[in-house]
PDB file of N, CA and C in Angstrom:
ATOM      1  N   MET A   1      17.691  25.791-164.725  1.00  0.00           N
ATOM      2  CA  MET A   1      18.448  26.703-163.909  1.00  0.00           C
ATOM      3  C   MET A   1      18.178  26.463-162.419  1.00  0.00           C
ATOM      4  N   PRO A   2      16.912  26.342-161.989  1.00  0.00           N
ATOM      5  CA  PRO A   2      16.677  26.109-160.556  1.00  0.00           C
ATOM      6  C   PRO A   2      17.331  24.827-160.038  1.00  0.00           C
ATOM      7  N   ILE A   3      17.309  23.766-160.827  1.00  0.00           N
ATOM      8  CA  ILE A   3      17.930  22.511-160.381  1.00  0.00           C
ATOM      9  C   ILE A   3      19.442  22.694-160.297  1.00  0.00           C
ATOM     10  N   PHE A   4      20.021  23.369-161.262  1.00  0.00           N
ATOM     11  CA  PHE A   4      21.455  23.617-161.225  1.00  0.00           C
ATOM     12  C   PHE A   4      21.825  24.411-159.978  1.00  0.00           C
ATOM     13  N   LEU A   5      21.073  25.462-159.679  1.00  0.00           N
ATOM     14  CA  LEU A   5      21.375  26.284-158.509  1.00  0.00           C
ATOM     15  C   LEU A   5      21.217  25.481-157.216  1.00  0.00           C
ATOM     16  N   ALA A   6      20.207  24.624-157.157  1.00  0.00           N
ATOM     17  CA  ALA A   6      20.034  23.778-155.976  1.00  0.00           C
ATOM     18  C   ALA A   6      21.210  22.820-155.824  1.00  0.00           C
ATOM     19  N   THR A   7      21.675  22.265-156.933  1.00  0.00           N
ATOM     20  CA  THR A   7      22.829  21.366-156.896  1.00  0.00           C
ATOM     21  C   THR A   7      24.071  22.106-156.413  1.00  0.00           C
ATOM     22  N   MET A   8      24.276  23.317-156.903  1.00  0.00           N
ATOM     23  CA  MET A   8      25.430  24.107-156.470  1.00  0.00           C
ATOM     24  C   MET A   8      25.342  24.440-154.982  1.00  0.00           C
ATOM     25  N   ALA A   9      24.156  24.720-154.487  1.00  0.00           N
ATOM     26  CA  ALA A   9      23.992  25.014-153.066  1.00  0.00           C
ATOM     27  C   ALA A   9      24.380  23.799-152.222  1.00  0.00           C
ATOM     28  N   VAL A  10      24.001  22.617-152.665  1.00  0.00           N
ATOM     29  CA  VAL A  10      24.365  21.393-151.942  1.00  0.00           C
ATOM     30  C   VAL A  10      25.879  21.195-151.994  1.00  0.00           C
ATOM     31  N   ARG A  11      26.470  21.367-153.158  1.00  0.00           N
ATOM     32  CA  ARG A  11      27.930  21.195-153.305  1.00  0.00           C
ATOM     33  C   ARG A  11      28.708  22.188-152.447  1.00  0.00           C
ATOM     34  N   GLN A  12      28.211  23.418-152.371  1.00  0.00           N
ATOM     35  CA  GLN A  12      28.894  24.448-151.593  1.00  0.00           C
ATOM     36  C   GLN A  12      28.480  24.415-150.131  1.00  0.00           C
ATOM     37  N   GLN A  13      27.525  23.554-149.807  1.00  0.00           N
ATOM     38  CA  GLN A  13      26.991  23.412-148.446  1.00  0.00           C
ATOM     39  C   GLN A  13      26.571  24.766-147.874  1.00  0.00           C
ATOM     40  N   SER A  14      25.800  25.495-148.682  1.00  0.00           N
ATOM     41  CA  SER A  14      25.342  26.817-148.291  1.00  0.00           C
ATOM     42  C   SER A  14      24.038  27.142-149.005  1.00  0.00           C
ATOM     43  N   ARG A  15      23.203  27.943-148.363  1.00  0.00           N
ATOM     44  CA  ARG A  15      21.978  28.405-149.012  1.00  0.00           C
ATOM     45  C   ARG A  15      22.274  29.490-150.028  1.00  0.00           C
ATOM     46  N   ILE A  16      23.475  30.033-149.978  1.00  0.00           N
ATOM     47  CA  ILE A  16      23.896  31.083-150.900  1.00  0.00           C
ATOM     48  C   ILE A  16      24.890  30.483-151.881  1.00  0.00           C
ATOM     49  N   VAL A  17      24.586  30.587-153.175  1.00  0.00           N
ATOM     50  CA  VAL A  17      25.470  30.072-154.214  1.00  0.00           C
ATOM     51  C   VAL A  17      26.355  31.215-154.686  1.00  0.00           C
ATOM     52  N   ARG A  18      27.664  30.977-154.657  1.00  0.00           N
ATOM     53  CA  ARG A  18      28.596  32.038-155.022  1.00  0.00           C
ATOM     54  C   ARG A  18      29.445  31.632-156.226  1.00  0.00           C
ATOM     55  N   PHE A  19      29.679  32.603-157.080  1.00  0.00           N
ATOM     56  CA  PHE A  19      30.600  32.473-158.194  1.00  0.00           C
ATOM     57  C   PHE A  19      31.557  33.640-158.107  1.00  0.00           C
ATOM     58  N   GLU A  20      32.801  33.411-158.507  1.00  0.00           N
ATOM     59  CA  GLU A  20      33.789  34.491-158.487  1.00  0.00           C
ATOM     60  C   GLU A  20      33.398  35.597-159.456  1.00  0.00           C
ATOM     61  N   SER A  21      32.795  35.207-160.589  1.00  0.00           N
ATOM     62  CA  SER A  21      32.428  36.193-161.600  1.00  0.00           C
ATOM     63  C   SER A  21      31.370  35.606-162.519  1.00  0.00           C
ATOM     64  N   ALA A  22      30.773  36.463-163.321  1.00  0.00           N
ATOM     65  CA  ALA A  22      29.817  35.982-164.321  1.00  0.00           C
ATOM     66  C   ALA A  22      30.532  35.098-165.332  1.00  0.00           C
ATOM     67  N   ALA A  23      31.805  35.409-165.611  1.00  0.00           N
ATOM     68  CA  ALA A  23      32.587  34.598-166.560  1.00  0.00           C
ATOM     69  C   ALA A  23      32.719  33.163-166.058  1.00  0.00           C
ATOM     70  N   GLU A  24      32.909  32.977-164.761  1.00  0.00           N
ATOM     71  CA  GLU A  24      32.985  31.627-164.192  1.00  0.00           C
ATOM     72  C   GLU A  24      31.671  30.886-164.393  1.00  0.00           C
ATOM     73  N   PHE A  25      30.577  31.581-164.207  1.00  0.00           N
ATOM     74  CA  PHE A  25      29.258  30.973-164.400  1.00  0.00           C
ATOM     75  C   PHE A  25      29.075  30.564-165.858  1.00  0.00           C
ATOM     76  N   LEU A  26      29.448  31.433-166.784  1.00  0.00           N
ATOM     77  CA  LEU A  26      29.339  31.115-168.207  1.00  0.00           C
ATOM     78  C   LEU A  26      30.229  29.937-168.572  1.00  0.00           C
ATOM     79  N   ASP A  27      31.426  29.868-167.991  1.00  0.00           N
ATOM     80  CA  ASP A  27      32.325  28.734-168.226  1.00  0.00           C
ATOM     81  C   ASP A  27      31.688  27.432-167.773  1.00  0.00           C
ATOM     82  N   THR A  28      30.969  27.470-166.662  1.00  0.00           N
ATOM     83  CA  THR A  28      30.315  26.275-166.132  1.00  0.00           C
ATOM     84  C   THR A  28      29.381  25.660-167.160  1.00  0.00           C
ATOM     85  N   PHE A  29      28.709  26.493-167.939  1.00  0.00           N
ATOM     86  CA  PHE A  29      27.775  26.017-168.953  1.00  0.00           C
ATOM     87  C   PHE A  29      28.402  25.920-170.341  1.00  0.00           C
ATOM     88  N   GLY A  30      29.699  26.199-170.431  1.00  0.00           N
ATOM     89  CA  GLY A  30      30.378  26.118-171.718  1.00  0.00           C
ATOM     90  C   GLY A  30      29.972  27.217-172.680  1.00  0.00           C
ATOM     91  N   LEU A  31      29.573  28.360-172.155  1.00  0.00           N
ATOM     92  CA  LEU A  31      29.148  29.478-172.999  1.00  0.00           C
ATOM     93  C   LEU A  31      30.288  30.474-173.176  1.00  0.00           C
ATOM     94  N   SER A  32      30.261  31.195-174.293  1.00  0.00           N
ATOM     95  CA  SER A  32      31.295  32.202-174.525  1.00  0.00           C
ATOM     96  C   SER A  32      31.083  33.366-173.567  1.00  0.00           C
ATOM     97  N   LYS A  33      32.129  34.142-173.399  1.00  0.00           N
ATOM     98  CA  LYS A  33      32.074  35.244-172.433  1.00  0.00           C
ATOM     99  C   LYS A  33      31.695  36.567-173.086  1.00  0.00           C
ATOM    100  N   GLY A  34      31.124  36.515-174.281  1.00  0.00           N
ATOM    101  CA  GLY A  34      30.719  37.727-174.977  1.00  0.00           C
ATOM    102  C   GLY A  34      29.477  38.366-174.372  1.00  0.00           C
ATOM    103  N   GLY A  35      29.185  39.560-174.822  1.00  0.00           N
ATOM    104  CA  GLY A  35      28.055  40.313-174.293  1.00  0.00           C
ATOM    105  C   GLY A  35      26.711  39.638-174.510  1.00  0.00           C
ATOM    106  N   LYS A  36      26.551  38.958-175.657  1.00  0.00           N
ATOM    107  CA  LYS A  36      25.275  38.301-175.954  1.00  0.00           C
ATOM    108  C   LYS A  36      24.968  37.216-174.921  1.00  0.00           C
ATOM    109  N   GLU A  37      25.948  36.381-174.617  1.00  0.00           N
ATOM    110  CA  GLU A  37      25.740  35.301-173.646  1.00  0.00           C
ATOM    111  C   GLU A  37      25.514  35.862-172.243  1.00  0.00           C
ATOM    112  N   TYR A  38      26.240  36.921-171.907  1.00  0.00           N
ATOM    113  CA  TYR A  38      26.057  37.552-170.601  1.00  0.00           C
ATOM    114  C   TYR A  38      24.636  38.096-170.459  1.00  0.00           C
ATOM    115  N   ARG A  39      24.135  38.745-171.502  1.00  0.00           N
ATOM    116  CA  ARG A  39      22.762  39.277-171.460  1.00  0.00           C
ATOM    117  C   ARG A  39      21.739  38.159-171.323  1.00  0.00           C
ATOM    118  N   ARG A  40      21.988  37.022-171.997  1.00  0.00           N
ATOM    119  CA  ARG A  40      21.084  35.875-171.867  1.00  0.00           C
ATOM    120  C   ARG A  40      21.092  35.342-170.437  1.00  0.00           C
ATOM    121  N   LEU A  41      22.259  35.311-169.806  1.00  0.00           N
ATOM    122  CA  LEU A  41      22.373  34.868-168.416  1.00  0.00           C
ATOM    123  C   LEU A  41      21.581  35.789-167.491  1.00  0.00           C
ATOM    124  N   VAL A  42      21.750  37.086-167.663  1.00  0.00           N
ATOM    125  CA  VAL A  42      21.017  38.059-166.850  1.00  0.00           C
ATOM    126  C   VAL A  42      19.509  37.889-167.053  1.00  0.00           C
ATOM    127  N   SER A  43      19.080  37.707-168.286  1.00  0.00           N
ATOM    128  CA  SER A  43      17.653  37.518-168.577  1.00  0.00           C
ATOM    129  C   SER A  43      17.109  36.265-167.909  1.00  0.00           C
ATOM    130  N   ALA A  44      17.897  35.198-167.918  1.00  0.00           N
ATOM    131  CA  ALA A  44      17.455  33.954-167.275  1.00  0.00           C
ATOM    132  C   ALA A  44      17.230  34.171-165.785  1.00  0.00           C
ATOM    133  N   PHE A  45      18.163  34.869-165.127  1.00  0.00           N
ATOM    134  CA  PHE A  45      17.997  35.137-163.704  1.00  0.00           C
ATOM    135  C   PHE A  45      16.816  36.072-163.439  1.00  0.00           C
ATOM    136  N   GLU A  46      16.593  37.035-164.296  1.00  0.00           N
ATOM    137  CA  GLU A  46      15.443  37.920-164.117  1.00  0.00           C
ATOM    138  C   GLU A  46      14.138  37.135-164.201  1.00  0.00           C
ATOM    139  N   ARG A  47      14.066  36.165-165.116  1.00  0.00           N
ATOM    140  CA  ARG A  47      12.857  35.344-165.224  1.00  0.00           C
ATOM    141  C   ARG A  47      12.662  34.494-163.974  1.00  0.00           C
ATOM    142  N   ILE A  48      13.734  33.927-163.459  1.00  0.00           N
ATOM    143  CA  ILE A  48      13.631  33.080-162.262  1.00  0.00           C
ATOM    144  C   ILE A  48      13.178  33.902-161.069  1.00  0.00           C
ATOM    145  N   PHE A  49      13.842  35.048-160.836  1.00  0.00           N
ATOM    146  CA  PHE A  49      13.518  35.845-159.659  1.00  0.00           C
ATOM    147  C   PHE A  49      12.183  36.565-159.793  1.00  0.00           C
ATOM    148  N   GLY A  50      11.687  36.711-161.002  1.00  0.00           N
ATOM    149  CA  GLY A  50      10.386  37.329-161.204  1.00  0.00           C
ATOM    150  C   GLY A  50       9.241  36.342-161.208  1.00  0.00           C
ATOM    151  N   ALA A  51       9.571  35.057-161.117  1.00  0.00           N
ATOM    152  CA  ALA A  51       8.539  34.016-161.180  1.00  0.00           C
ATOM    153  C   ALA A  51       7.885  33.806-159.819  1.00  0.00           C
ATOM    154  N   THR A  52       6.665  33.349-159.864  1.00  0.00           N
ATOM    155  CA  THR A  52       5.966  32.936-158.651  1.00  0.00           C
ATOM    156  C   THR A  52       5.907  31.413-158.677  1.00  0.00           C
ATOM    157  N   ILE A  53       6.495  30.802-157.671  1.00  0.00           N
ATOM    158  CA  ILE A  53       6.570  29.348-157.618  1.00  0.00           C
ATOM    159  C   ILE A  53       5.839  28.882-156.360  1.00  0.00           C
ATOM    160  N   TYR A  54       4.934  27.932-156.556  1.00  0.00           N
ATOM    161  CA  TYR A  54       4.170  27.395-155.438  1.00  0.00           C
ATOM    162  C   TYR A  54       4.585  25.962-155.166  1.00  0.00           C
ATOM    163  N   PHE A  55       4.727  25.631-153.904  1.00  0.00           N
ATOM    164  CA  PHE A  55       5.001  24.264-153.495  1.00  0.00           C
ATOM    165  C   PHE A  55       3.902  23.848-152.539  1.00  0.00           C
ATOM    166  N   GLY A  56       3.506  22.613-152.620  1.00  0.00           N
ATOM    167  CA  GLY A  56       2.471  22.139-151.714  1.00  0.00           C
ATOM    168  C   GLY A  56       2.174  20.676-151.971  1.00  0.00           C
ATOM    169  N   THR A  57       1.200  20.180-151.243  1.00  0.00           N
ATOM    170  CA  THR A  57       0.770  18.802-151.414  1.00  0.00           C
ATOM    171  C   THR A  57      -0.730  18.780-151.600  1.00  0.00           C
ATOM    172  N   GLU A  58      -1.170  17.746-152.214  1.00  0.00           N
ATOM    173  CA  GLU A  58      -2.612  17.548-152.360  1.00  0.00           C
ATOM    174  C   GLU A  58      -3.013  16.431-151.416  1.00  0.00           C
ATOM    175  N   SER A  59      -3.960  16.683-150.590  1.00  0.00           N
ATOM    176  CA  SER A  59      -4.434  15.625-149.684  1.00  0.00           C
ATOM    177  C   SER A  59      -5.948  15.518-149.807  1.00  0.00           C
ATOM    178  N   ASN A  60      -6.436  14.312-149.688  1.00  0.00           N
ATOM    179  CA  ASN A  60      -7.876  14.072-149.813  1.00  0.00           C
ATOM    180  C   ASN A  60      -8.548  14.039-148.480  1.00  0.00           C
TER     181      ASN A  60
END
């Protein structure tokens, strides 16, 4: 998901990734537009935004 969102940001030339609707996002991944798939999408975003991600370098 993070790589996909980064790719979309580059394609849209913006730090903010926009979709017209959740249905458009589900279509992008070839998922059905039913409630189960929508809930899975919401859960995926909750995990991403709730995660702590560290970036850095190791130097000797």
